[in-house]
Amino acid sequence: MASVHYEIRNPGRPAPGRGGHLVLVTGRTPDGEGVHFHNPSGTAPLSRAADLPLATFERFFAGRGVSFAGPREHTAHLAKEAGPGA
């Protein structure tokens, strides 16, 4: 999840600020030069599931976010900490 300005739904306009709105970044674009993200408050389908070049995304990005570990990554350390036979 990344903190962006809500006007990211209009990437062709100048960014009036950064942060204050969360979007879910789900991957990179096929060329590796951008990001794919879901914006639940987007006003049109293309602004709810969007691809943007990194330079455009960065204009709206506050430099803050949250990363979630997948199920295996999250639980692998628990087995090690519990020890043998746990």
C-alpha atoms as a PDB file:
ATOM      1  CA  MET A   1       0.000   0.000   0.000  1.00  0.00           C
ATOM      2  CA  ALA A   2       1.317   3.411  -0.908  1.00  0.00           C
ATOM      3  CA  SER A   3       0.330   6.857   0.293  1.00  0.00           C
ATOM      4  CA  VAL A   4      -0.459   9.107  -2.681  1.00  0.00           C
ATOM      5  CA  HIS A   5      -2.467  12.261  -3.318  1.00  0.00           C
ATOM      6  CA  TYR A   6      -6.032  11.378  -4.316  1.00  0.00           C
ATOM      7  CA  GLU A   7      -5.661  13.300  -7.579  1.00  0.00           C
ATOM      8  CA  ILE A   8      -3.562  10.389  -8.876  1.00  0.00           C
ATOM      9  CA  ARG A   9      -6.827   9.462 -10.590  1.00  0.00           C
ATOM     10  CA  ASN A  10      -6.021  12.351 -12.964  1.00  0.00           C
ATOM     11  CA  PRO A  11      -2.337  11.743 -13.743  1.00  0.00           C
ATOM     12  CA  GLY A  12      -2.324  14.142 -16.704  1.00  0.00           C
ATOM     13  CA  ARG A  13      -2.841  17.074 -14.353  1.00  0.00           C
ATOM     14  CA  PRO A  14      -0.169  18.557 -12.068  1.00  0.00           C
ATOM     15  CA  ALA A  15       0.025  16.875  -8.661  1.00  0.00           C
ATOM     16  CA  PRO A  16      -1.435  19.292  -6.090  1.00  0.00           C
ATOM     17  CA  GLY A  17       0.323  17.455  -3.266  1.00  0.00           C
ATOM     18  CA  ARG A  18       1.570  14.120  -2.015  1.00  0.00           C
ATOM     19  CA  GLY A  19       0.028  11.582   0.313  1.00  0.00           C
ATOM     20  CA  GLY A  20      -3.177  11.324   2.300  1.00  0.00           C
ATOM     21  CA  HIS A  21      -4.798   8.581   0.199  1.00  0.00           C
ATOM     22  CA  LEU A  22      -3.940   4.863   0.031  1.00  0.00           C
ATOM     23  CA  VAL A  23      -3.677   2.735  -3.106  1.00  0.00           C
ATOM     24  CA  LEU A  24      -2.754  -0.926  -3.379  1.00  0.00           C
ATOM     25  CA  VAL A  25       0.335  -1.423  -5.559  1.00  0.00           C
ATOM     26  CA  THR A  26       0.074  -4.900  -7.072  1.00  0.00           C
ATOM     27  CA  GLY A  27       3.018  -5.100  -9.442  1.00  0.00           C
ATOM     28  CA  ARG A  28       5.191  -3.617 -12.126  1.00  0.00           C
ATOM     29  CA  THR A  29       4.174  -2.902 -15.662  1.00  0.00           C
ATOM     30  CA  PRO A  30       5.371  -5.485 -18.213  1.00  0.00           C
ATOM     31  CA  ASP A  31       8.208  -3.197 -19.330  1.00  0.00           C
ATOM     32  CA  GLY A  32       9.368  -2.760 -15.701  1.00  0.00           C
ATOM     33  CA  GLU A  33       9.204   1.036 -16.010  1.00  0.00           C
ATOM     34  CA  GLY A  34       5.966   1.575 -14.094  1.00  0.00           C
ATOM     35  CA  VAL A  35       3.592   0.244 -11.466  1.00  0.00           C
ATOM     36  CA  HIS A  36       0.144  -1.306 -11.518  1.00  0.00           C
ATOM     37  CA  PHE A  37      -2.146  -0.300  -8.662  1.00  0.00           C
ATOM     38  CA  HIS A  38      -5.746  -0.393  -7.472  1.00  0.00           C
ATOM     39  CA  ASN A  39      -7.365   2.864  -6.408  1.00  0.00           C
ATOM     40  CA  PRO A  40     -10.769   2.116  -4.843  1.00  0.00           C
ATOM     41  CA  SER A  41     -11.886   5.742  -5.104  1.00  0.00           C
ATOM     42  CA  GLY A  42     -11.038   6.091  -8.781  1.00  0.00           C
ATOM     43  CA  THR A  43     -13.788   7.796 -10.735  1.00  0.00           C
ATOM     44  CA  ALA A  44     -13.542   5.565 -13.820  1.00  0.00           C
ATOM     45  CA  PRO A  45     -12.457   1.968 -14.456  1.00  0.00           C
ATOM     46  CA  LEU A  46      -9.042   3.071 -15.767  1.00  0.00           C
ATOM     47  CA  SER A  47      -8.421   5.087 -12.599  1.00  0.00           C
ATOM     48  CA  ARG A  48      -9.482   2.213 -10.305  1.00  0.00           C
ATOM     49  CA  ALA A  49      -7.044  -0.312 -11.825  1.00  0.00           C
ATOM     50  CA  ALA A  50      -4.229   1.709 -13.339  1.00  0.00           C
ATOM     51  CA  ASP A  51      -0.731   1.511 -14.784  1.00  0.00           C
ATOM     52  CA  LEU A  52       1.511   4.556 -14.489  1.00  0.00           C
ATOM     53  CA  PRO A  53       5.167   5.205 -15.280  1.00  0.00           C
ATOM     54  CA  LEU A  54       7.232   5.510 -12.090  1.00  0.00           C
ATOM     55  CA  ALA A  55       8.014   9.176 -12.776  1.00  0.00           C
ATOM     56  CA  THR A  56       4.287   9.983 -12.886  1.00  0.00           C
ATOM     57  CA  PHE A  57       3.491   7.877  -9.803  1.00  0.00           C
ATOM     58  CA  GLU A  58       6.307   9.567  -7.859  1.00  0.00           C
ATOM     59  CA  ARG A  59       4.761  13.032  -8.386  1.00  0.00           C
ATOM     60  CA  PHE A  60       1.812  11.926  -6.200  1.00  0.00           C
ATOM     61  CA  PHE A  61       3.670   9.513  -3.870  1.00  0.00           C
ATOM     62  CA  ALA A  62       4.394  10.652  -0.303  1.00  0.00           C
ATOM     63  CA  GLY A  63       7.337   8.278   0.171  1.00  0.00           C
ATOM     64  CA  ARG A  64       5.338   6.221   2.687  1.00  0.00           C
ATOM     65  CA  GLY A  65       3.781   2.821   2.401  1.00  0.00           C
ATOM     66  CA  VAL A  66       3.112  -0.547   3.978  1.00  0.00           C
ATOM     67  CA  SER A  67       4.398  -3.882   2.738  1.00  0.00           C
ATOM     68  CA  PHE A  68       2.573  -7.132   3.479  1.00  0.00           C
ATOM     69  CA  ALA A  69       4.376 -10.474   3.629  1.00  0.00           C
ATOM     70  CA  GLY A  70       2.834 -13.454   1.901  1.00  0.00           C
ATOM     71  CA  PRO A  71       1.592 -16.428   3.980  1.00  0.00           C
ATOM     72  CA  ARG A  72       4.780 -18.494   3.630  1.00  0.00           C
ATOM     73  CA  GLU A  73       7.077 -15.571   4.310  1.00  0.00           C
ATOM     74  CA  HIS A  74       5.076 -14.646   7.388  1.00  0.00           C
ATOM     75  CA  THR A  75       4.906 -18.105   8.944  1.00  0.00           C
ATOM     76  CA  ALA A  76       8.342 -19.518   7.983  1.00  0.00           C
ATOM     77  CA  HIS A  77      10.096 -17.754  10.854  1.00  0.00           C
ATOM     78  CA  LEU A  78       7.492 -19.041  13.346  1.00  0.00           C
ATOM     79  CA  ALA A  79       8.473 -22.653  12.659  1.00  0.00           C
ATOM     80  CA  LYS A  80      12.149 -21.839  13.158  1.00  0.00           C
ATOM     81  CA  GLU A  81      11.460 -20.003  16.424  1.00  0.00           C
ATOM     82  CA  ALA A  82       9.327 -22.841  17.774  1.00  0.00           C
ATOM     83  CA  GLY A  83      12.201 -25.315  17.362  1.00  0.00           C
ATOM     84  CA  PRO A  84      12.202 -29.028  16.501  1.00  0.00           C
ATOM     85  CA  GLY A  85       9.055 -31.020  17.141  1.00  0.00           C
ATOM     86  CA  ALA A  86       6.884 -27.964  17.567  1.00  0.00           C
END
